[in-house]
Amino acid sequence: MTVVKEESGRDGADDHGGMPGGDDGYVPSARRLDRERYKRARSRRATGIAALSTLVTAVVLYVVVVNAPGWPRTKETFFSAEYAREALPKVLEGLWLNVRLLLVCGAAVLVLGMLIAVARTLRGPVFFPVRALAAAYTDFFRGLPLIINLMIVVLGVPALRLQGVTVDPVLLGGTALTLTYSAYVAEVFRAGIESVHPSQRAAARSLGLTNRQALRHVVLPQAVRRQVPPLLNDLVSLQKDTGLVSIGGAIDAVRAADIIVGRSLNYTPYIVAGLVFVALTIPMTRLTDWVTARMDRRRAQGGTI
């Protein structure tokens, strides 16, 4: 009977989170060891199946593409090693402009988007004109295609010949990007603000905080934390769309590739520019996935988000 009780006690400790190998002399039961072996076997099996299916898919795609009738011509036109070596240094040089646009426009978008979101959530009839203007701004720039906005700003502003107004295509293109993306980010911030329960604001007011202080110290911190994943997604999109400033003549990564394509009539530089943007986007995309998963785990555990 003593042996049975010890085994039962060990198994019970295991089910309630006992620590194997701890200072209490705990020894894993046979049931626990069987479960761990089963989990490891399932994990190895799943990994093997995933690797095999990936390999089969890659082989099928390779065979289909390589055996296509037009593959030799396509390879020469889009995947030329000679033009790739020529384009890469110039594309990387132009990419520095895209990175600077991302940093400057990203900061401006976050600030302007937050101001618009706060304006849309102001309470009281006296703020109706402010709310109406903020709503009109978001509706207009969310509906206006970015490429048209860029053409209007980059090509239309210089045509006005206004004194003291820049005609630099980089600055004008950055302005157009900021105007468009601020509308999207404003709606993200507004959704976060409205997701905070009214009791949070009421509790802050009961402690003596003004409406402005409650918004700044209670509502906005919670709203921003909840909206981090969609904000990062918008920044990823902004990172890609910085390449559109090339329509005004700015020499970024896309324009650098376009110059080589126009001279050689070979489209490999476009592939090089696309791969460079992908390589630049992947780290931020993985960061977005990590932040989203982390917040989901905290939400599932009842943590504060």
C-alpha atoms as a PDB file:
ATOM      1  CA  MET A   1       0.000   0.000   0.000  1.00  0.00           C
ATOM      2  CA  THR A   2       2.860   2.343   0.711  1.00  0.00           C
ATOM      3  CA  VAL A   3       4.223   2.047  -2.819  1.00  0.00           C
ATOM      4  CA  VAL A   4       0.825   2.805  -4.307  1.00  0.00           C
ATOM      5  CA  LYS A   5       0.429   5.916  -2.211  1.00  0.00           C
ATOM      6  CA  GLU A   6       3.853   7.241  -3.152  1.00  0.00           C
ATOM      7  CA  GLU A   7       3.225   6.675  -6.876  1.00  0.00           C
ATOM      8  CA  SER A   8      -0.194   8.283  -6.601  1.00  0.00           C
ATOM      9  CA  GLY A   9       1.236  11.223  -4.738  1.00  0.00           C
ATOM     10  CA  ARG A  10       3.939  11.742  -7.333  1.00  0.00           C
ATOM     11  CA  ASP A  11       1.473  11.600 -10.178  1.00  0.00           C
ATOM     12  CA  GLY A  12      -0.780  14.044  -8.381  1.00  0.00           C
ATOM     13  CA  ALA A  13       2.122  16.423  -7.858  1.00  0.00           C
ATOM     14  CA  ASP A  14       2.876  16.165 -11.550  1.00  0.00           C
ATOM     15  CA  ASP A  15      -0.684  17.053 -12.493  1.00  0.00           C
ATOM     16  CA  HIS A  16      -0.585  20.090 -10.221  1.00  0.00           C
ATOM     17  CA  GLY A  17       2.663  21.514 -11.568  1.00  0.00           C
ATOM     18  CA  GLY A  18       5.335  19.706  -9.577  1.00  0.00           C
ATOM     19  CA  MET A  19       8.882  20.606 -10.594  1.00  0.00           C
ATOM     20  CA  PRO A  20      10.924  17.641 -11.854  1.00  0.00           C
ATOM     21  CA  GLY A  21      14.412  17.513 -10.468  1.00  0.00           C
ATOM     22  CA  GLY A  22      13.623  20.022  -7.709  1.00  0.00           C
ATOM     23  CA  ASP A  23      14.988  20.122  -4.211  1.00  0.00           C
ATOM     24  CA  ASP A  24      11.985  18.150  -2.904  1.00  0.00           C
ATOM     25  CA  GLY A  25      13.356  14.918  -4.421  1.00  0.00           C
ATOM     26  CA  TYR A  26      10.564  14.672  -6.976  1.00  0.00           C
ATOM     27  CA  VAL A  27      10.916  11.784  -9.451  1.00  0.00           C
ATOM     28  CA  PRO A  28       8.753  11.862 -12.592  1.00  0.00           C
ATOM     29  CA  SER A  29       6.217   9.090 -12.744  1.00  0.00           C
ATOM     30  CA  ALA A  30       5.998   6.606 -15.585  1.00  0.00           C
ATOM     31  CA  ARG A  31       2.835   8.336 -16.809  1.00  0.00           C
ATOM     32  CA  ARG A  32       4.621  11.707 -16.956  1.00  0.00           C
ATOM     33  CA  LEU A  33       7.565  10.214 -18.864  1.00  0.00           C
ATOM     34  CA  ASP A  34       5.191   8.535 -21.314  1.00  0.00           C
ATOM     35  CA  ARG A  35       3.410  11.823 -21.944  1.00  0.00           C
ATOM     36  CA  GLU A  36       6.689  13.651 -22.595  1.00  0.00           C
ATOM     37  CA  ARG A  37       7.876  10.943 -24.994  1.00  0.00           C
ATOM     38  CA  TYR A  38       4.546  11.110 -26.814  1.00  0.00           C
ATOM     39  CA  LYS A  39       4.776  14.900 -27.144  1.00  0.00           C
ATOM     40  CA  ARG A  40       8.331  14.717 -28.462  1.00  0.00           C
ATOM     41  CA  ALA A  41       7.329  12.060 -30.977  1.00  0.00           C
ATOM     42  CA  ARG A  42       4.389  14.169 -32.206  1.00  0.00           C
ATOM     43  CA  SER A  43       6.629  17.229 -32.489  1.00  0.00           C
ATOM     44  CA  ARG A  44       9.213  15.337 -34.539  1.00  0.00           C
ATOM     45  CA  ARG A  45       6.479  13.880 -36.755  1.00  0.00           C
ATOM     46  CA  ALA A  46       4.914  17.306 -37.371  1.00  0.00           C
ATOM     47  CA  THR A  47       8.298  18.821 -38.189  1.00  0.00           C
ATOM     48  CA  GLY A  48       9.089  16.024 -40.620  1.00  0.00           C
ATOM     49  CA  ILE A  49       5.738  16.337 -42.385  1.00  0.00           C
ATOM     50  CA  ALA A  50       6.129  20.124 -42.674  1.00  0.00           C
ATOM     51  CA  ALA A  51       9.639  19.809 -44.086  1.00  0.00           C
ATOM     52  CA  LEU A  52       8.578  17.121 -46.581  1.00  0.00           C
ATOM     53  CA  SER A  53       5.542  19.069 -47.791  1.00  0.00           C
ATOM     54  CA  THR A  54       7.645  22.212 -48.188  1.00  0.00           C
ATOM     55  CA  LEU A  55      10.259  20.327 -50.198  1.00  0.00           C
ATOM     56  CA  VAL A  56       7.641  18.727 -52.455  1.00  0.00           C
ATOM     57  CA  THR A  57       5.964  22.098 -53.084  1.00  0.00           C
ATOM     58  CA  ALA A  58       9.290  23.750 -53.918  1.00  0.00           C
ATOM     59  CA  VAL A  59      10.233  20.966 -56.318  1.00  0.00           C
ATOM     60  CA  VAL A  60       6.859  21.090 -58.092  1.00  0.00           C
ATOM     61  CA  LEU A  61       7.048  24.868 -58.500  1.00  0.00           C
ATOM     62  CA  TYR A  62      10.617  24.653 -59.789  1.00  0.00           C
ATOM     63  CA  VAL A  63       9.727  21.978 -62.343  1.00  0.00           C
ATOM     64  CA  VAL A  64       6.655  23.891 -63.553  1.00  0.00           C
ATOM     65  CA  VAL A  65       8.530  27.188 -63.929  1.00  0.00           C
ATOM     66  CA  VAL A  66      11.705  25.795 -65.493  1.00  0.00           C
ATOM     67  CA  ASN A  67       9.788  23.681 -68.015  1.00  0.00           C
ATOM     68  CA  ALA A  68       7.545  26.546 -69.100  1.00  0.00           C
ATOM     69  CA  PRO A  69       7.944  27.396 -72.814  1.00  0.00           C
ATOM     70  CA  GLY A  70       8.960  30.988 -72.145  1.00  0.00           C
ATOM     71  CA  TRP A  71      11.325  30.316 -69.233  1.00  0.00           C
ATOM     72  CA  PRO A  72      14.620  30.914 -71.135  1.00  0.00           C
ATOM     73  CA  ARG A  73      13.466  34.359 -72.284  1.00  0.00           C
ATOM     74  CA  THR A  74      12.013  35.160 -68.878  1.00  0.00           C
ATOM     75  CA  LYS A  75      15.229  34.134 -67.146  1.00  0.00           C
ATOM     76  CA  GLU A  76      17.262  36.365 -69.422  1.00  0.00           C
ATOM     77  CA  THR A  77      14.917  39.339 -68.978  1.00  0.00           C
ATOM     78  CA  PHE A  78      14.138  39.174 -65.258  1.00  0.00           C
ATOM     79  CA  PHE A  79      16.930  37.143 -63.657  1.00  0.00           C
ATOM     80  CA  SER A  80      20.148  38.261 -65.305  1.00  0.00           C
ATOM     81  CA  ALA A  81      23.118  37.991 -62.946  1.00  0.00           C
ATOM     82  CA  GLU A  82      25.020  40.656 -64.903  1.00  0.00           C
ATOM     83  CA  TYR A  83      22.327  43.304 -64.515  1.00  0.00           C
ATOM     84  CA  ALA A  84      21.693  42.271 -60.925  1.00  0.00           C
ATOM     85  CA  ARG A  85      25.340  42.995 -60.043  1.00  0.00           C
ATOM     86  CA  GLU A  86      25.111  46.347 -61.817  1.00  0.00           C
ATOM     87  CA  ALA A  87      21.827  47.348 -60.157  1.00  0.00           C
ATOM     88  CA  LEU A  88      22.454  46.281 -56.557  1.00  0.00           C
ATOM     89  CA  PRO A  89      24.871  49.106 -55.520  1.00  0.00           C
ATOM     90  CA  LYS A  90      22.693  51.811 -57.057  1.00  0.00           C
ATOM     91  CA  VAL A  91      19.502  50.347 -55.597  1.00  0.00           C
ATOM     92  CA  LEU A  92      21.077  50.205 -52.135  1.00  0.00           C
ATOM     93  CA  GLU A  93      22.205  53.808 -52.523  1.00  0.00           C
ATOM     94  CA  GLY A  94      18.677  54.867 -53.388  1.00  0.00           C
ATOM     95  CA  LEU A  95      17.273  52.763 -50.552  1.00  0.00           C
ATOM     96  CA  TRP A  96      18.814  55.164 -48.040  1.00  0.00           C
ATOM     97  CA  LEU A  97      16.292  57.769 -49.221  1.00  0.00           C
ATOM     98  CA  ASN A  98      13.443  55.310 -48.584  1.00  0.00           C
ATOM     99  CA  VAL A  99      14.734  54.617 -45.087  1.00  0.00           C
ATOM    100  CA  ARG A 100      14.933  58.338 -44.283  1.00  0.00           C
ATOM    101  CA  LEU A 101      11.427  58.870 -45.605  1.00  0.00           C
ATOM    102  CA  LEU A 102      10.185  56.015 -43.438  1.00  0.00           C
ATOM    103  CA  LEU A 103      11.739  57.453 -40.284  1.00  0.00           C
ATOM    104  CA  VAL A 104      10.598  61.043 -40.831  1.00  0.00           C
ATOM    105  CA  CYS A 105       7.153  60.285 -42.258  1.00  0.00           C
ATOM    106  CA  GLY A 106       6.552  57.535 -39.689  1.00  0.00           C
ATOM    107  CA  ALA A 107       7.117  59.950 -36.807  1.00  0.00           C
ATOM    108  CA  ALA A 108       4.975  62.643 -38.462  1.00  0.00           C
ATOM    109  CA  VAL A 109       2.193  60.146 -39.183  1.00  0.00           C
ATOM    110  CA  LEU A 110       2.052  58.970 -35.559  1.00  0.00           C
ATOM    111  CA  VAL A 111       1.869  62.531 -34.207  1.00  0.00           C
ATOM    112  CA  LEU A 112      -0.667  63.812 -36.738  1.00  0.00           C
ATOM    113  CA  GLY A 113      -2.742  60.642 -36.511  1.00  0.00           C
ATOM    114  CA  MET A 114      -2.912  60.922 -32.735  1.00  0.00           C
ATOM    115  CA  LEU A 115      -4.025  64.571 -32.938  1.00  0.00           C
ATOM    116  CA  ILE A 116      -6.761  63.724 -35.439  1.00  0.00           C
ATOM    117  CA  ALA A 117      -7.954  60.786 -33.347  1.00  0.00           C
ATOM    118  CA  VAL A 118      -8.133  62.930 -30.209  1.00  0.00           C
ATOM    119  CA  ALA A 119     -10.001  65.609 -32.166  1.00  0.00           C
ATOM    120  CA  ARG A 120     -12.581  63.045 -33.295  1.00  0.00           C
ATOM    121  CA  THR A 121     -13.169  61.857 -29.721  1.00  0.00           C
ATOM    122  CA  LEU A 122     -13.623  65.304 -28.139  1.00  0.00           C
ATOM    123  CA  ARG A 123     -16.898  65.601 -26.272  1.00  0.00           C
ATOM    124  CA  GLY A 124     -19.400  68.411 -26.108  1.00  0.00           C
ATOM    125  CA  PRO A 125     -21.310  70.396 -28.756  1.00  0.00           C
ATOM    126  CA  VAL A 126     -18.690  73.169 -28.803  1.00  0.00           C
ATOM    127  CA  PHE A 127     -16.193  70.765 -30.396  1.00  0.00           C
ATOM    128  CA  PHE A 128     -18.551  69.713 -33.205  1.00  0.00           C
ATOM    129  CA  PRO A 129     -16.690  71.713 -35.909  1.00  0.00           C
ATOM    130  CA  VAL A 130     -13.404  70.105 -34.836  1.00  0.00           C
ATOM    131  CA  ARG A 131     -14.932  66.625 -34.927  1.00  0.00           C
ATOM    132  CA  ALA A 132     -16.499  67.319 -38.332  1.00  0.00           C
ATOM    133  CA  LEU A 133     -13.213  68.539 -39.822  1.00  0.00           C
ATOM    134  CA  ALA A 134     -11.320  65.538 -38.429  1.00  0.00           C
ATOM    135  CA  ALA A 135     -13.943  63.148 -39.812  1.00  0.00           C
ATOM    136  CA  ALA A 136     -13.849  64.867 -43.209  1.00  0.00           C
ATOM    137  CA  TYR A 137     -10.058  64.602 -43.270  1.00  0.00           C
ATOM    138  CA  THR A 138     -10.030  60.874 -42.546  1.00  0.00           C
ATOM    139  CA  ASP A 139     -12.859  60.153 -44.993  1.00  0.00           C
ATOM    140  CA  PHE A 140     -11.194  62.113 -47.796  1.00  0.00           C
ATOM    141  CA  PHE A 141      -7.661  60.789 -47.520  1.00  0.00           C
ATOM    142  CA  ARG A 142      -8.708  57.212 -46.809  1.00  0.00           C
ATOM    143  CA  GLY A 143     -10.825  57.279 -49.971  1.00  0.00           C
ATOM    144  CA  LEU A 144      -8.278  59.060 -52.176  1.00  0.00           C
ATOM    145  CA  PRO A 145      -5.809  56.637 -53.816  1.00  0.00           C
ATOM    146  CA  LEU A 146      -2.282  57.269 -52.630  1.00  0.00           C
ATOM    147  CA  ILE A 147      -0.887  57.461 -56.162  1.00  0.00           C
ATOM    148  CA  ILE A 148      -3.350  60.245 -57.044  1.00  0.00           C
ATOM    149  CA  ASN A 149      -2.536  62.100 -53.830  1.00  0.00           C
ATOM    150  CA  LEU A 150       1.160  61.906 -54.712  1.00  0.00           C
ATOM    151  CA  MET A 151       0.556  63.245 -58.203  1.00  0.00           C
ATOM    152  CA  ILE A 152      -1.554  66.125 -56.911  1.00  0.00           C
ATOM    153  CA  VAL A 153       0.981  67.168 -54.294  1.00  0.00           C
ATOM    154  CA  VAL A 154       4.224  66.451 -56.171  1.00  0.00           C
ATOM    155  CA  LEU A 155       3.071  67.832 -59.530  1.00  0.00           C
ATOM    156  CA  GLY A 156       0.349  70.280 -58.524  1.00  0.00           C
ATOM    157  CA  VAL A 157       2.052  72.262 -55.764  1.00  0.00           C
ATOM    158  CA  PRO A 158       5.035  73.355 -57.916  1.00  0.00           C
ATOM    159  CA  ALA A 159       2.595  74.435 -60.636  1.00  0.00           C
ATOM    160  CA  LEU A 160       1.102  77.004 -58.238  1.00  0.00           C
ATOM    161  CA  ARG A 161       4.466  78.831 -58.009  1.00  0.00           C
ATOM    162  CA  LEU A 162       3.859  79.857 -54.435  1.00  0.00           C
ATOM    163  CA  GLN A 163       6.584  81.931 -52.820  1.00  0.00           C
ATOM    164  CA  GLY A 164       8.421  80.128 -50.034  1.00  0.00           C
ATOM    165  CA  VAL A 165       6.885  76.737 -50.832  1.00  0.00           C
ATOM    166  CA  THR A 166       9.349  73.975 -51.642  1.00  0.00           C
ATOM    167  CA  VAL A 167       9.341  72.169 -54.966  1.00  0.00           C
ATOM    168  CA  ASP A 168      11.624  69.373 -53.761  1.00  0.00           C
ATOM    169  CA  PRO A 169       9.958  66.088 -54.861  1.00  0.00           C
ATOM    170  CA  VAL A 170      11.278  64.307 -51.767  1.00  0.00           C
ATOM    171  CA  LEU A 171       9.655  66.767 -49.359  1.00  0.00           C
ATOM    172  CA  LEU A 172       6.446  66.924 -51.382  1.00  0.00           C
ATOM    173  CA  GLY A 173       6.295  63.140 -51.693  1.00  0.00           C
ATOM    174  CA  GLY A 174       6.853  62.773 -47.948  1.00  0.00           C
ATOM    175  CA  THR A 175       4.048  65.265 -47.342  1.00  0.00           C
ATOM    176  CA  ALA A 176       1.660  63.254 -49.501  1.00  0.00           C
ATOM    177  CA  LEU A 177       2.595  60.028 -47.675  1.00  0.00           C
ATOM    178  CA  THR A 178       2.044  61.725 -44.321  1.00  0.00           C
ATOM    179  CA  LEU A 179      -1.353  63.078 -45.329  1.00  0.00           C
ATOM    180  CA  THR A 180      -2.617  59.694 -46.504  1.00  0.00           C
ATOM    181  CA  TYR A 181      -1.230  57.505 -43.752  1.00  0.00           C
ATOM    182  CA  SER A 182      -2.237  59.927 -40.994  1.00  0.00           C
ATOM    183  CA  ALA A 183      -5.861  59.243 -41.915  1.00  0.00           C
ATOM    184  CA  TYR A 184      -5.385  55.488 -41.506  1.00  0.00           C
ATOM    185  CA  VAL A 185      -3.389  55.790 -38.289  1.00  0.00           C
ATOM    186  CA  ALA A 186      -5.948  58.227 -36.864  1.00  0.00           C
ATOM    187  CA  GLU A 187      -8.656  55.598 -37.213  1.00  0.00           C
ATOM    188  CA  VAL A 188      -6.414  53.040 -35.512  1.00  0.00           C
ATOM    189  CA  PHE A 189      -5.853  55.389 -32.582  1.00  0.00           C
ATOM    190  CA  ARG A 190      -9.548  56.276 -32.427  1.00  0.00           C
ATOM    191  CA  ALA A 191     -10.500  52.603 -32.269  1.00  0.00           C
ATOM    192  CA  GLY A 192      -8.066  52.170 -29.396  1.00  0.00           C
ATOM    193  CA  ILE A 193      -9.443  55.173 -27.521  1.00  0.00           C
ATOM    194  CA  GLU A 194     -13.030  54.005 -27.902  1.00  0.00           C
ATOM    195  CA  SER A 195     -12.080  50.489 -26.772  1.00  0.00           C
ATOM    196  CA  VAL A 196     -11.115  51.777 -23.327  1.00  0.00           C
ATOM    197  CA  HIS A 197     -14.085  51.228 -21.015  1.00  0.00           C
ATOM    198  CA  PRO A 198     -15.807  54.452 -19.865  1.00  0.00           C
ATOM    199  CA  SER A 199     -15.312  53.357 -16.270  1.00  0.00           C
ATOM    200  CA  GLN A 200     -11.594  54.070 -16.691  1.00  0.00           C
ATOM    201  CA  ARG A 201     -12.293  57.710 -17.473  1.00  0.00           C
ATOM    202  CA  ALA A 202     -14.903  57.901 -14.707  1.00  0.00           C
ATOM    203  CA  ALA A 203     -12.462  56.475 -12.191  1.00  0.00           C
ATOM    204  CA  ALA A 204      -9.835  59.005 -13.217  1.00  0.00           C
ATOM    205  CA  ARG A 205     -12.334  61.842 -12.869  1.00  0.00           C
ATOM    206  CA  SER A 206     -13.354  60.605  -9.407  1.00  0.00           C
ATOM    207  CA  LEU A 207      -9.700  60.867  -8.343  1.00  0.00           C
ATOM    208  CA  GLY A 208      -9.679  64.537  -9.257  1.00  0.00           C
ATOM    209  CA  LEU A 209      -8.171  64.405 -12.745  1.00  0.00           C
ATOM    210  CA  THR A 210      -9.473  66.742 -15.395  1.00  0.00           C
ATOM    211  CA  ASN A 211     -10.754  65.425 -18.721  1.00  0.00           C
ATOM    212  CA  ARG A 212      -7.443  66.313 -20.343  1.00  0.00           C
ATOM    213  CA  GLN A 213      -5.431  64.613 -17.607  1.00  0.00           C
ATOM    214  CA  ALA A 214      -7.646  61.519 -17.723  1.00  0.00           C
ATOM    215  CA  LEU A 215      -7.153  61.313 -21.491  1.00  0.00           C
ATOM    216  CA  ARG A 216      -3.401  61.779 -21.253  1.00  0.00           C
ATOM    217  CA  HIS A 217      -2.585  59.589 -18.243  1.00  0.00           C
ATOM    218  CA  VAL A 218      -5.308  56.916 -18.334  1.00  0.00           C
ATOM    219  CA  VAL A 219      -7.019  56.542 -21.702  1.00  0.00           C
ATOM    220  CA  LEU A 220      -4.220  57.132 -24.223  1.00  0.00           C
ATOM    221  CA  PRO A 221      -1.651  54.766 -22.626  1.00  0.00           C
ATOM    222  CA  GLN A 222      -4.156  51.904 -22.708  1.00  0.00           C
ATOM    223  CA  ALA A 223      -5.323  52.782 -26.224  1.00  0.00           C
ATOM    224  CA  VAL A 224      -1.793  52.867 -27.650  1.00  0.00           C
ATOM    225  CA  ARG A 225      -0.801  49.549 -26.058  1.00  0.00           C
ATOM    226  CA  ARG A 226      -3.851  47.847 -27.521  1.00  0.00           C
ATOM    227  CA  GLN A 227      -3.218  49.194 -31.015  1.00  0.00           C
ATOM    228  CA  VAL A 228       0.487  48.440 -31.333  1.00  0.00           C
ATOM    229  CA  PRO A 229       0.053  45.530 -33.832  1.00  0.00           C
ATOM    230  CA  PRO A 230      -2.125  47.455 -36.334  1.00  0.00           C
ATOM    231  CA  LEU A 231       0.160  50.490 -35.992  1.00  0.00           C
ATOM    232  CA  LEU A 232       3.154  48.355 -36.906  1.00  0.00           C
ATOM    233  CA  ASN A 233       1.234  46.982 -39.888  1.00  0.00           C
ATOM    234  CA  ASP A 234       0.611  50.528 -41.116  1.00  0.00           C
ATOM    235  CA  LEU A 235       4.314  51.334 -40.751  1.00  0.00           C
ATOM    236  CA  VAL A 236       5.157  48.241 -42.813  1.00  0.00           C
ATOM    237  CA  SER A 237       2.826  49.501 -45.557  1.00  0.00           C
ATOM    238  CA  LEU A 238       4.371  52.974 -45.321  1.00  0.00           C
ATOM    239  CA  GLN A 239       7.812  51.437 -45.720  1.00  0.00           C
ATOM    240  CA  LYS A 240       6.809  49.875 -49.031  1.00  0.00           C
ATOM    241  CA  ASP A 241       4.952  52.925 -50.321  1.00  0.00           C
ATOM    242  CA  THR A 242       7.952  55.219 -49.879  1.00  0.00           C
ATOM    243  CA  GLY A 243       8.998  53.836 -53.254  1.00  0.00           C
ATOM    244  CA  LEU A 244       6.160  55.784 -54.871  1.00  0.00           C
ATOM    245  CA  VAL A 245       7.944  59.109 -54.377  1.00  0.00           C
ATOM    246  CA  SER A 246       9.908  58.191 -57.489  1.00  0.00           C
ATOM    247  CA  ILE A 247       7.034  59.472 -59.639  1.00  0.00           C
ATOM    248  CA  GLY A 248       8.254  62.993 -58.867  1.00  0.00           C
ATOM    249  CA  GLY A 249      11.796  62.262 -59.954  1.00  0.00           C
ATOM    250  CA  ALA A 250      13.356  61.488 -56.579  1.00  0.00           C
ATOM    251  CA  ILE A 251      16.185  58.952 -56.917  1.00  0.00           C
ATOM    252  CA  ASP A 252      15.179  56.236 -54.496  1.00  0.00           C
ATOM    253  CA  ALA A 253      15.610  52.475 -54.841  1.00  0.00           C
ATOM    254  CA  VAL A 254      12.745  52.152 -57.336  1.00  0.00           C
ATOM    255  CA  ARG A 255      13.874  55.098 -59.454  1.00  0.00           C
ATOM    256  CA  ALA A 256      17.463  53.833 -59.484  1.00  0.00           C
ATOM    257  CA  ALA A 257      16.213  50.503 -60.824  1.00  0.00           C
ATOM    258  CA  ASP A 258      13.995  52.288 -63.343  1.00  0.00           C
ATOM    259  CA  ILE A 259      16.947  54.227 -64.768  1.00  0.00           C
ATOM    260  CA  ILE A 260      18.867  51.027 -65.456  1.00  0.00           C
ATOM    261  CA  VAL A 261      15.784  49.359 -66.949  1.00  0.00           C
ATOM    262  CA  GLY A 262      15.212  52.310 -69.270  1.00  0.00           C
ATOM    263  CA  ARG A 263      18.783  52.073 -70.525  1.00  0.00           C
ATOM    264  CA  SER A 264      19.090  48.284 -70.834  1.00  0.00           C
ATOM    265  CA  LEU A 265      15.479  47.167 -71.409  1.00  0.00           C
ATOM    266  CA  ASN A 266      16.187  44.390 -68.897  1.00  0.00           C
ATOM    267  CA  TYR A 267      13.850  44.115 -65.903  1.00  0.00           C
ATOM    268  CA  THR A 268      16.253  42.441 -63.485  1.00  0.00           C
ATOM    269  CA  PRO A 269      16.827  45.728 -61.556  1.00  0.00           C
ATOM    270  CA  TYR A 270      13.126  45.739 -60.643  1.00  0.00           C
ATOM    271  CA  ILE A 271      13.538  42.255 -59.146  1.00  0.00           C
ATOM    272  CA  VAL A 272      16.592  43.457 -57.214  1.00  0.00           C
ATOM    273  CA  ALA A 273      14.691  46.485 -55.867  1.00  0.00           C
ATOM    274  CA  GLY A 274      11.737  44.299 -54.912  1.00  0.00           C
ATOM    275  CA  LEU A 275      13.938  41.834 -53.044  1.00  0.00           C
ATOM    276  CA  VAL A 276      15.658  44.674 -51.202  1.00  0.00           C
ATOM    277  CA  PHE A 277      12.283  46.015 -50.036  1.00  0.00           C
ATOM    278  CA  VAL A 278      11.236  42.533 -48.978  1.00  0.00           C
ATOM    279  CA  ALA A 279      14.448  42.117 -46.973  1.00  0.00           C
ATOM    280  CA  LEU A 280      13.781  45.475 -45.325  1.00  0.00           C
ATOM    281  CA  THR A 281      10.159  44.603 -44.549  1.00  0.00           C
ATOM    282  CA  ILE A 282      10.620  41.112 -43.101  1.00  0.00           C
ATOM    283  CA  PRO A 283      12.201  42.207 -39.766  1.00  0.00           C
ATOM    284  CA  MET A 284       9.366  44.637 -39.067  1.00  0.00           C
ATOM    285  CA  THR A 285       6.779  42.032 -40.081  1.00  0.00           C
ATOM    286  CA  ARG A 286       8.296  39.470 -37.718  1.00  0.00           C
ATOM    287  CA  LEU A 287       8.354  42.121 -34.980  1.00  0.00           C
ATOM    288  CA  THR A 288       4.654  42.734 -35.579  1.00  0.00           C
ATOM    289  CA  ASP A 289       3.912  39.009 -35.309  1.00  0.00           C
ATOM    290  CA  TRP A 290       5.951  38.750 -32.098  1.00  0.00           C
ATOM    291  CA  VAL A 291       4.217  41.726 -30.491  1.00  0.00           C
ATOM    292  CA  THR A 292       0.796  40.387 -31.498  1.00  0.00           C
ATOM    293  CA  ALA A 293       1.525  36.918 -30.091  1.00  0.00           C
ATOM    294  CA  ARG A 294       2.918  38.402 -26.888  1.00  0.00           C
ATOM    295  CA  MET A 295      -0.170  40.549 -26.350  1.00  0.00           C
ATOM    296  CA  ASP A 296      -2.444  37.602 -27.095  1.00  0.00           C
ATOM    297  CA  ARG A 297      -0.633  35.526 -24.452  1.00  0.00           C
ATOM    298  CA  ARG A 298      -0.967  38.310 -21.906  1.00  0.00           C
ATOM    299  CA  ARG A 299      -4.643  38.699 -22.723  1.00  0.00           C
ATOM    300  CA  ALA A 300      -5.206  34.947 -22.332  1.00  0.00           C
ATOM    301  CA  GLN A 301      -3.450  35.016 -18.948  1.00  0.00           C
ATOM    302  CA  GLY A 302      -5.507  37.969 -17.768  1.00  0.00           C
ATOM    303  CA  GLY A 303      -2.599  40.394 -17.930  1.00  0.00           C
ATOM    304  CA  THR A 304      -2.918  44.113 -18.442  1.00  0.00           C
ATOM    305  CA  ILE A 305      -2.781  45.231 -22.052  1.00  0.00           C
END
